[in-house]
Amino acid sequence: MSVDRILLTNDDGVDAAGLRALYDALAAEYAVTVVAPADDQSSVGRLLSEDVGVEDHDLGYVVDGTPVDCVVAGLDELVPDADAVVAGCNEGANLGAYTLGRSGTVSAAVEASFFGVPAVATSMYVPGGDDWWKREFEGPDFAHAVRATRFIIDEAVGAGVFDRADYLNVNAPIADADRAPLRVTTPSTWYGLRAERNGDGRVGFSDPIWGRMNDGDVPDPVGTDRRAVVDGEVSVSPLSVPHAAEPNAGLDELADAYEAAVRS
């Protein structure tokens, strides 16, 4: 299989700098059609709408919906001849196993996998304080993410990577260094979300890992996605679609017991 046409989407919205940076790099070699949300759809996971509005855009189409809406509409109607899906580049990292189902960027790649289409989700880690997301990003900031994604699209399909993995989750550091080597990783399994009642009838949530990343104090060994980006590397995690069935899992005996209980 070769890649000629790419469906490009994201969860930051059609006007995001990261999407444009990927478009410019990929369109130099491939036929790229954007099918992206009209506005920010971060952290919506695999939310699917009943139907969506679609309008023409200079780069393809803009969808009044979620990243998953974009992939389903794109692969089944708007760009049915797409050979690959690229989602990103997200402004902010998608690191750790617990983030994968929440991320709109990653969810777009997961949805493409159910169509049997190779997919890459690309995100950029931005160190900083609680207000890092207020920063205005420009194309050069995404240089490491763009370079790695373009290389993967150029090489991975022909190398048979997608015969063994359904999609790739790429996380790159912001381009404040000349070089960022690529490391194959697994998602970190560390989980640290916290909840705290704040006294006015609400519960707030926090994730302390981001502050620890700023200090270089991460609980992850070499070979995990979070450790890679903290070390200035591009993390590439080869992943399969979720909800894989585990044979038996010890449930045969429970099924027999249930049947006996129903009959009694």
C-alpha atoms as a PDB file:
ATOM      1  CA  MET A   1       0.000   0.000   0.000  1.00  0.00           C
ATOM      2  CA  SER A   2       1.146   3.528  -0.730  1.00  0.00           C
ATOM      3  CA  VAL A   3      -0.125   6.872   0.476  1.00  0.00           C
ATOM      4  CA  ASP A   4      -1.339   9.389  -2.061  1.00  0.00           C
ATOM      5  CA  ARG A   5      -4.244  11.183  -0.363  1.00  0.00           C
ATOM      6  CA  ILE A   6      -4.343  12.238   3.291  1.00  0.00           C
ATOM      7  CA  LEU A   7      -7.309  13.328   5.373  1.00  0.00           C
ATOM      8  CA  LEU A   8      -6.032  15.906   7.863  1.00  0.00           C
ATOM      9  CA  THR A   9      -8.044  16.774  10.958  1.00  0.00           C
ATOM     10  CA  ASN A  10      -7.489  18.019  14.517  1.00  0.00           C
ATOM     11  CA  ASP A  11      -9.295  18.989  17.704  1.00  0.00           C
ATOM     12  CA  ASP A  12      -8.041  22.574  18.034  1.00  0.00           C
ATOM     13  CA  GLY A  13     -10.146  23.808  15.141  1.00  0.00           C
ATOM     14  CA  VAL A  14      -9.611  24.457  11.468  1.00  0.00           C
ATOM     15  CA  ASP A  15      -7.712  27.715  12.002  1.00  0.00           C
ATOM     16  CA  ALA A  16      -5.139  26.285  14.443  1.00  0.00           C
ATOM     17  CA  ALA A  17      -1.477  26.914  13.688  1.00  0.00           C
ATOM     18  CA  GLY A  18      -0.568  23.269  14.255  1.00  0.00           C
ATOM     19  CA  LEU A  19      -2.968  22.029  11.604  1.00  0.00           C
ATOM     20  CA  ARG A  20      -1.635  24.578   9.109  1.00  0.00           C
ATOM     21  CA  ALA A  21       1.954  23.582   9.857  1.00  0.00           C
ATOM     22  CA  LEU A  22       1.171  19.936   9.112  1.00  0.00           C
ATOM     23  CA  TYR A  23      -0.829  20.840   6.028  1.00  0.00           C
ATOM     24  CA  ASP A  24       2.024  22.862   4.533  1.00  0.00           C
ATOM     25  CA  ALA A  25       4.531  20.052   5.125  1.00  0.00           C
ATOM     26  CA  LEU A  26       2.339  17.201   3.890  1.00  0.00           C
ATOM     27  CA  ALA A  27       0.823  19.040   0.917  1.00  0.00           C
ATOM     28  CA  ALA A  28       4.292  19.423  -0.576  1.00  0.00           C
ATOM     29  CA  GLU A  29       4.213  15.699  -1.382  1.00  0.00           C
ATOM     30  CA  TYR A  30       0.647  14.432  -0.927  1.00  0.00           C
ATOM     31  CA  ALA A  31      -2.888  15.362  -1.863  1.00  0.00           C
ATOM     32  CA  VAL A  32      -4.146  16.655   1.487  1.00  0.00           C
ATOM     33  CA  THR A  33      -7.775  17.398   2.278  1.00  0.00           C
ATOM     34  CA  VAL A  34      -8.598  19.039   5.585  1.00  0.00           C
ATOM     35  CA  VAL A  35     -11.779  17.941   7.357  1.00  0.00           C
ATOM     36  CA  ALA A  36     -11.553  19.768  10.661  1.00  0.00           C
ATOM     37  CA  PRO A  37     -13.840  21.119  13.400  1.00  0.00           C
ATOM     38  CA  ALA A  38     -15.057  24.685  13.170  1.00  0.00           C
ATOM     39  CA  ASP A  39     -13.802  25.451  16.688  1.00  0.00           C
ATOM     40  CA  ASP A  40     -11.917  23.976  19.612  1.00  0.00           C
ATOM     41  CA  GLN A  41     -13.006  20.431  20.454  1.00  0.00           C
ATOM     42  CA  SER A  42     -10.267  19.498  22.892  1.00  0.00           C
ATOM     43  CA  SER A  43     -10.856  16.591  25.280  1.00  0.00           C
ATOM     44  CA  VAL A  44     -14.149  15.508  23.711  1.00  0.00           C
ATOM     45  CA  GLY A  45     -12.894  11.950  23.207  1.00  0.00           C
ATOM     46  CA  ARG A  46     -14.875   9.867  20.728  1.00  0.00           C
ATOM     47  CA  LEU A  47     -18.036  11.949  20.967  1.00  0.00           C
ATOM     48  CA  LEU A  48     -20.158  11.446  17.837  1.00  0.00           C
ATOM     49  CA  SER A  49     -22.927  13.835  16.807  1.00  0.00           C
ATOM     50  CA  GLU A  50     -26.238  12.821  15.266  1.00  0.00           C
ATOM     51  CA  ASP A  51     -25.461  14.955  12.237  1.00  0.00           C
ATOM     52  CA  VAL A  52     -23.183  17.901  11.445  1.00  0.00           C
ATOM     53  CA  GLY A  53     -23.036  20.971   9.295  1.00  0.00           C
ATOM     54  CA  VAL A  54     -20.335  20.917   6.615  1.00  0.00           C
ATOM     55  CA  GLU A  55     -18.994  23.886   4.669  1.00  0.00           C
ATOM     56  CA  ASP A  56     -16.313  24.207   2.024  1.00  0.00           C
ATOM     57  CA  HIS A  57     -12.976  25.600   3.184  1.00  0.00           C
ATOM     58  CA  ASP A  58      -9.862  26.724   1.331  1.00  0.00           C
ATOM     59  CA  LEU A  59      -8.091  23.563   2.561  1.00  0.00           C
ATOM     60  CA  GLY A  60     -11.053  21.198   2.266  1.00  0.00           C
ATOM     61  CA  TYR A  61     -14.025  21.195   4.632  1.00  0.00           C
ATOM     62  CA  VAL A  62     -14.974  22.652   7.995  1.00  0.00           C
ATOM     63  CA  VAL A  63     -17.326  20.591  10.162  1.00  0.00           C
ATOM     64  CA  ASP A  64     -19.570  21.871  12.925  1.00  0.00           C
ATOM     65  CA  GLY A  65     -18.744  18.901  15.108  1.00  0.00           C
ATOM     66  CA  THR A  66     -16.097  16.777  16.795  1.00  0.00           C
ATOM     67  CA  PRO A  67     -12.875  15.190  15.514  1.00  0.00           C
ATOM     68  CA  VAL A  68     -14.644  11.831  15.281  1.00  0.00           C
ATOM     69  CA  ASP A  69     -17.436  13.485  13.294  1.00  0.00           C
ATOM     70  CA  CYS A  70     -14.753  14.758  10.930  1.00  0.00           C
ATOM     71  CA  VAL A  71     -13.214  11.324  10.424  1.00  0.00           C
ATOM     72  CA  VAL A  72     -16.519   9.526   9.886  1.00  0.00           C
ATOM     73  CA  ALA A  73     -17.823  12.227   7.538  1.00  0.00           C
ATOM     74  CA  GLY A  74     -14.465  12.378   5.811  1.00  0.00           C
ATOM     75  CA  LEU A  75     -13.756   8.700   5.231  1.00  0.00           C
ATOM     76  CA  ASP A  76     -17.315   7.672   4.440  1.00  0.00           C
ATOM     77  CA  GLU A  77     -18.464  10.668   2.402  1.00  0.00           C
ATOM     78  CA  LEU A  78     -16.169  13.641   1.816  1.00  0.00           C
ATOM     79  CA  VAL A  79     -12.768  11.996   1.188  1.00  0.00           C
ATOM     80  CA  PRO A  80     -13.521   8.285   0.742  1.00  0.00           C
ATOM     81  CA  ASP A  81     -10.292   7.714  -1.187  1.00  0.00           C
ATOM     82  CA  ALA A  82      -8.028   8.831   1.677  1.00  0.00           C
ATOM     83  CA  ASP A  83      -5.114   6.454   2.197  1.00  0.00           C
ATOM     84  CA  ALA A  84      -4.201   7.785   5.641  1.00  0.00           C
ATOM     85  CA  VAL A  85      -5.508  10.051   8.374  1.00  0.00           C
ATOM     86  CA  VAL A  86      -3.359  12.534  10.262  1.00  0.00           C
ATOM     87  CA  ALA A  87      -4.759  14.278  13.337  1.00  0.00           C
ATOM     88  CA  GLY A  88      -2.983  17.352  14.713  1.00  0.00           C
ATOM     89  CA  CYS A  89      -0.788  18.934  15.427  1.00  0.00           C
ATOM     90  CA  ASN A  90      -2.360  19.374  18.838  1.00  0.00           C
ATOM     91  CA  GLU A  91      -1.272  22.335  20.951  1.00  0.00           C
ATOM     92  CA  GLY A  92      -0.420  20.365  24.070  1.00  0.00           C
ATOM     93  CA  ALA A  93       0.761  16.825  24.648  1.00  0.00           C
ATOM     94  CA  ASN A  94      -1.343  13.663  24.812  1.00  0.00           C
ATOM     95  CA  LEU A  95       0.802  11.527  27.074  1.00  0.00           C
ATOM     96  CA  GLY A  96      -0.004   8.574  29.289  1.00  0.00           C
ATOM     97  CA  ALA A  97      -2.485   5.756  28.868  1.00  0.00           C
ATOM     98  CA  TYR A  98      -5.200   7.589  30.770  1.00  0.00           C
ATOM     99  CA  THR A  99      -5.296  10.491  28.303  1.00  0.00           C
ATOM    100  CA  LEU A 100      -5.821   8.420  25.174  1.00  0.00           C
ATOM    101  CA  GLY A 101      -9.582   7.967  25.403  1.00  0.00           C
ATOM    102  CA  ARG A 102     -10.106  11.597  26.392  1.00  0.00           C
ATOM    103  CA  SER A 103      -8.094  13.245  23.618  1.00  0.00           C
ATOM    104  CA  GLY A 104      -9.963  14.427  20.546  1.00  0.00           C
ATOM    105  CA  THR A 105      -6.731  14.221  18.562  1.00  0.00           C
ATOM    106  CA  VAL A 106      -6.080  10.606  19.483  1.00  0.00           C
ATOM    107  CA  SER A 107      -9.762   9.706  19.113  1.00  0.00           C
ATOM    108  CA  ALA A 108      -9.669  10.835  15.486  1.00  0.00           C
ATOM    109  CA  ALA A 109      -6.862   8.356  14.821  1.00  0.00           C
ATOM    110  CA  VAL A 110      -8.710   5.612  16.693  1.00  0.00           C
ATOM    111  CA  GLU A 111     -11.829   6.199  14.577  1.00  0.00           C
ATOM    112  CA  ALA A 112      -9.782   5.973  11.396  1.00  0.00           C
ATOM    113  CA  SER A 113      -8.434   2.636  12.598  1.00  0.00           C
ATOM    114  CA  PHE A 114     -11.951   1.206  12.707  1.00  0.00           C
ATOM    115  CA  PHE A 115     -12.204   2.111   9.018  1.00  0.00           C
ATOM    116  CA  GLY A 116      -8.992   0.184   8.415  1.00  0.00           C
ATOM    117  CA  VAL A 117      -7.123   3.360   7.450  1.00  0.00           C
ATOM    118  CA  PRO A 118      -3.596   3.999   8.798  1.00  0.00           C
ATOM    119  CA  ALA A 119      -3.618   6.945  11.182  1.00  0.00           C
ATOM    120  CA  VAL A 120      -1.205   9.183  13.048  1.00  0.00           C
ATOM    121  CA  ALA A 121      -2.138  11.422  15.976  1.00  0.00           C
ATOM    122  CA  THR A 122       0.421  14.174  16.517  1.00  0.00           C
ATOM    123  CA  SER A 123       0.731  16.457  19.528  1.00  0.00           C
ATOM    124  CA  MET A 124       3.275  18.975  20.818  1.00  0.00           C
ATOM    125  CA  TYR A 125       4.410  19.195  24.428  1.00  0.00           C
ATOM    126  CA  VAL A 126       4.666  22.751  25.695  1.00  0.00           C
ATOM    127  CA  PRO A 127       6.372  23.226  29.072  1.00  0.00           C
ATOM    128  CA  GLY A 128       5.186  26.055  31.264  1.00  0.00           C
ATOM    129  CA  GLY A 129       2.845  27.051  34.060  1.00  0.00           C
ATOM    130  CA  ASP A 130      -0.901  26.773  34.358  1.00  0.00           C
ATOM    131  CA  ASP A 131      -1.468  29.357  31.624  1.00  0.00           C
ATOM    132  CA  TRP A 132       0.770  27.812  28.952  1.00  0.00           C
ATOM    133  CA  TRP A 133      -2.303  27.370  26.745  1.00  0.00           C
ATOM    134  CA  LYS A 134      -2.628  31.151  26.392  1.00  0.00           C
ATOM    135  CA  ARG A 135       0.551  31.228  24.331  1.00  0.00           C
ATOM    136  CA  GLU A 136       0.225  32.074  20.647  1.00  0.00           C
ATOM    137  CA  PHE A 137       1.948  29.399  18.586  1.00  0.00           C
ATOM    138  CA  GLU A 138       3.429  29.774  15.118  1.00  0.00           C
ATOM    139  CA  GLY A 139       4.470  27.292  12.453  1.00  0.00           C
ATOM    140  CA  PRO A 140       8.149  26.996  13.479  1.00  0.00           C
ATOM    141  CA  ASP A 141       7.118  25.919  16.997  1.00  0.00           C
ATOM    142  CA  PHE A 142       5.824  22.670  15.505  1.00  0.00           C
ATOM    143  CA  ALA A 143       8.990  21.841  13.559  1.00  0.00           C
ATOM    144  CA  HIS A 144       9.868  18.639  15.448  1.00  0.00           C
ATOM    145  CA  ALA A 145       6.292  17.350  15.326  1.00  0.00           C
ATOM    146  CA  VAL A 146       5.943  18.176  11.647  1.00  0.00           C
ATOM    147  CA  ARG A 147       9.264  16.611  10.676  1.00  0.00           C
ATOM    148  CA  ALA A 148       8.508  13.384  12.531  1.00  0.00           C
ATOM    149  CA  THR A 149       4.980  13.115  11.154  1.00  0.00           C
ATOM    150  CA  ARG A 150       6.100  13.688   7.586  1.00  0.00           C
ATOM    151  CA  PHE A 151       8.833  11.060   7.993  1.00  0.00           C
ATOM    152  CA  ILE A 152       6.353   8.541   9.421  1.00  0.00           C
ATOM    153  CA  ILE A 153       3.880   9.084   6.584  1.00  0.00           C
ATOM    154  CA  ASP A 154       6.722   8.782   4.072  1.00  0.00           C
ATOM    155  CA  GLU A 155       8.149   5.576   5.516  1.00  0.00           C
ATOM    156  CA  ALA A 156       5.895   3.713   7.954  1.00  0.00           C
ATOM    157  CA  VAL A 157       3.215   2.442   5.580  1.00  0.00           C
ATOM    158  CA  GLY A 158       5.728   0.935   3.174  1.00  0.00           C
ATOM    159  CA  ALA A 159       7.668  -0.552   6.080  1.00  0.00           C
ATOM    160  CA  GLY A 160       4.604  -2.505   7.191  1.00  0.00           C
ATOM    161  CA  VAL A 161       4.191  -0.640  10.485  1.00  0.00           C
ATOM    162  CA  PHE A 162       0.412  -0.529  10.088  1.00  0.00           C
ATOM    163  CA  ASP A 163       0.290  -4.272   9.524  1.00  0.00           C
ATOM    164  CA  ARG A 164       1.164  -4.553  13.214  1.00  0.00           C
ATOM    165  CA  ALA A 165      -0.176  -1.316  14.708  1.00  0.00           C
ATOM    166  CA  ASP A 166      -3.560   0.319  14.113  1.00  0.00           C
ATOM    167  CA  TYR A 167      -2.375   3.863  14.748  1.00  0.00           C
ATOM    168  CA  LEU A 168       0.599   5.837  16.018  1.00  0.00           C
ATOM    169  CA  ASN A 169       0.497   8.394  18.818  1.00  0.00           C
ATOM    170  CA  VAL A 170       3.251  10.967  18.271  1.00  0.00           C
ATOM    171  CA  ASN A 171       4.279  13.511  20.897  1.00  0.00           C
ATOM    172  CA  ALA A 172       7.065  15.952  20.134  1.00  0.00           C
ATOM    173  CA  PRO A 173       8.686  18.671  22.215  1.00  0.00           C
ATOM    174  CA  ILE A 174       8.185  22.262  21.148  1.00  0.00           C
ATOM    175  CA  ALA A 175      10.940  23.233  18.728  1.00  0.00           C
ATOM    176  CA  ASP A 176      13.228  25.178  21.060  1.00  0.00           C
ATOM    177  CA  ALA A 177      16.204  22.925  20.244  1.00  0.00           C
ATOM    178  CA  ASP A 178      17.797  22.064  16.902  1.00  0.00           C
ATOM    179  CA  ARG A 179      17.381  18.318  17.218  1.00  0.00           C
ATOM    180  CA  ALA A 180      14.830  15.916  18.673  1.00  0.00           C
ATOM    181  CA  PRO A 181      15.622  12.223  18.098  1.00  0.00           C
ATOM    182  CA  LEU A 182      12.784   9.761  17.661  1.00  0.00           C
ATOM    183  CA  ARG A 183      12.104   7.097  20.293  1.00  0.00           C
ATOM    184  CA  VAL A 184       9.600   4.247  20.085  1.00  0.00           C
ATOM    185  CA  THR A 185       7.631   4.239  23.337  1.00  0.00           C
ATOM    186  CA  THR A 186       4.734   2.828  25.289  1.00  0.00           C
ATOM    187  CA  PRO A 187       2.212   5.089  27.051  1.00  0.00           C
ATOM    188  CA  SER A 188       3.005   5.718  30.689  1.00  0.00           C
ATOM    189  CA  THR A 189       0.726   3.857  33.090  1.00  0.00           C
ATOM    190  CA  TRP A 190       1.229   6.371  35.927  1.00  0.00           C
ATOM    191  CA  TYR A 191      -2.059   7.925  37.040  1.00  0.00           C
ATOM    192  CA  GLY A 192      -2.294  10.878  39.383  1.00  0.00           C
ATOM    193  CA  LEU A 193      -5.527  12.777  38.829  1.00  0.00           C
ATOM    194  CA  ARG A 194      -6.836  14.402  41.985  1.00  0.00           C
ATOM    195  CA  ALA A 195     -10.263  15.691  43.056  1.00  0.00           C
ATOM    196  CA  GLU A 196     -10.985  18.265  45.743  1.00  0.00           C
ATOM    197  CA  ARG A 197     -14.256  19.700  46.990  1.00  0.00           C
ATOM    198  CA  ASN A 198     -13.899  23.480  46.986  1.00  0.00           C
ATOM    199  CA  GLY A 199     -16.654  24.456  49.383  1.00  0.00           C
ATOM    200  CA  ASP A 200     -19.266  25.868  47.020  1.00  0.00           C
ATOM    201  CA  GLY A 201     -20.876  22.633  45.964  1.00  0.00           C
ATOM    202  CA  ARG A 202     -18.306  21.783  43.317  1.00  0.00           C
ATOM    203  CA  VAL A 203     -15.372  19.403  42.973  1.00  0.00           C
ATOM    204  CA  GLY A 204     -12.271  20.541  41.123  1.00  0.00           C
ATOM    205  CA  PHE A 205      -9.801  18.306  39.322  1.00  0.00           C
ATOM    206  CA  SER A 206      -6.043  18.620  38.929  1.00  0.00           C
ATOM    207  CA  ASP A 207      -3.241  16.596  37.389  1.00  0.00           C
ATOM    208  CA  PRO A 208       0.088  17.137  39.175  1.00  0.00           C
ATOM    209  CA  ILE A 209       2.129  15.483  36.445  1.00  0.00           C
ATOM    210  CA  TRP A 210       2.395  18.686  34.407  1.00  0.00           C
ATOM    211  CA  GLY A 211       4.196  20.528  37.191  1.00  0.00           C
ATOM    212  CA  ARG A 212       6.473  17.556  37.719  1.00  0.00           C
ATOM    213  CA  MET A 213       7.287  17.531  34.005  1.00  0.00           C
ATOM    214  CA  ASN A 214       8.394  21.155  34.209  1.00  0.00           C
ATOM    215  CA  ASP A 215      10.856  20.150  36.936  1.00  0.00           C
ATOM    216  CA  GLY A 216      11.997  17.049  35.061  1.00  0.00           C
ATOM    217  CA  ASP A 217      10.656  14.944  37.935  1.00  0.00           C
ATOM    218  CA  VAL A 218       8.565  12.351  36.139  1.00  0.00           C
ATOM    219  CA  PRO A 219       7.826   8.871  37.536  1.00  0.00           C
ATOM    220  CA  ASP A 220       8.388   7.215  34.159  1.00  0.00           C
ATOM    221  CA  PRO A 221      11.314   5.115  32.933  1.00  0.00           C
ATOM    222  CA  VAL A 222      13.085   5.446  29.614  1.00  0.00           C
ATOM    223  CA  GLY A 223      10.886   3.920  26.936  1.00  0.00           C
ATOM    224  CA  THR A 224       7.684   5.651  28.023  1.00  0.00           C
ATOM    225  CA  ASP A 225       6.064   8.510  26.140  1.00  0.00           C
ATOM    226  CA  ARG A 226       6.268  11.046  28.957  1.00  0.00           C
ATOM    227  CA  ARG A 227       9.926  10.399  29.683  1.00  0.00           C
ATOM    228  CA  ALA A 228      10.786  10.791  26.005  1.00  0.00           C
ATOM    229  CA  VAL A 229       9.373  14.301  25.594  1.00  0.00           C
ATOM    230  CA  VAL A 230      10.872  15.458  28.908  1.00  0.00           C
ATOM    231  CA  ASP A 231      14.219  14.226  27.590  1.00  0.00           C
ATOM    232  CA  GLY A 232      13.737  16.251  24.386  1.00  0.00           C
ATOM    233  CA  GLU A 233      12.819  13.290  22.186  1.00  0.00           C
ATOM    234  CA  VAL A 234       9.912  12.672  19.835  1.00  0.00           C
ATOM    235  CA  SER A 235       7.775   9.874  21.278  1.00  0.00           C
ATOM    236  CA  VAL A 236       6.096   7.453  18.861  1.00  0.00           C
ATOM    237  CA  SER A 237       3.779   4.880  20.441  1.00  0.00           C
ATOM    238  CA  PRO A 238       2.452   2.123  18.127  1.00  0.00           C
ATOM    239  CA  LEU A 239      -1.035   1.302  19.423  1.00  0.00           C
ATOM    240  CA  SER A 240      -4.070  -0.824  18.670  1.00  0.00           C
ATOM    241  CA  VAL A 241      -7.713   0.187  18.799  1.00  0.00           C
ATOM    242  CA  PRO A 242      -9.272   0.026  22.281  1.00  0.00           C
ATOM    243  CA  HIS A 243     -11.471  -2.552  23.914  1.00  0.00           C
ATOM    244  CA  ALA A 244      -9.564  -5.612  22.719  1.00  0.00           C
ATOM    245  CA  ALA A 245     -11.183  -8.746  24.119  1.00  0.00           C
ATOM    246  CA  GLU A 246      -9.210 -10.859  26.575  1.00  0.00           C
ATOM    247  CA  PRO A 247      -9.861 -14.592  26.057  1.00  0.00           C
ATOM    248  CA  ASN A 248     -11.917 -15.917  28.955  1.00  0.00           C
ATOM    249  CA  ALA A 249     -10.360 -13.643  31.651  1.00  0.00           C
ATOM    250  CA  GLY A 250     -11.644 -16.136  34.212  1.00  0.00           C
ATOM    251  CA  LEU A 251     -15.277 -15.472  33.394  1.00  0.00           C
ATOM    252  CA  ASP A 252     -16.251 -18.987  32.220  1.00  0.00           C
ATOM    253  CA  GLU A 253     -16.769 -20.140  35.793  1.00  0.00           C
ATOM    254  CA  LEU A 254     -18.803 -17.029  36.587  1.00  0.00           C
ATOM    255  CA  ALA A 255     -20.985 -17.604  33.533  1.00  0.00           C
ATOM    256  CA  ASP A 256     -21.692 -21.155  34.687  1.00  0.00           C
ATOM    257  CA  ALA A 257     -22.465 -19.907  38.194  1.00  0.00           C
ATOM    258  CA  TYR A 258     -24.814 -17.281  36.804  1.00  0.00           C
ATOM    259  CA  GLU A 259     -26.697 -19.880  34.806  1.00  0.00           C
ATOM    260  CA  ALA A 260     -27.038 -22.039  37.899  1.00  0.00           C
ATOM    261  CA  ALA A 261     -28.271 -19.062  39.928  1.00  0.00           C
ATOM    262  CA  VAL A 262     -30.883 -18.176  37.314  1.00  0.00           C
ATOM    263  CA  ARG A 263     -32.230 -21.726  37.297  1.00  0.00           C
ATOM    264  CA  SER A 264     -32.491 -21.979  41.084  1.00  0.00           C
END
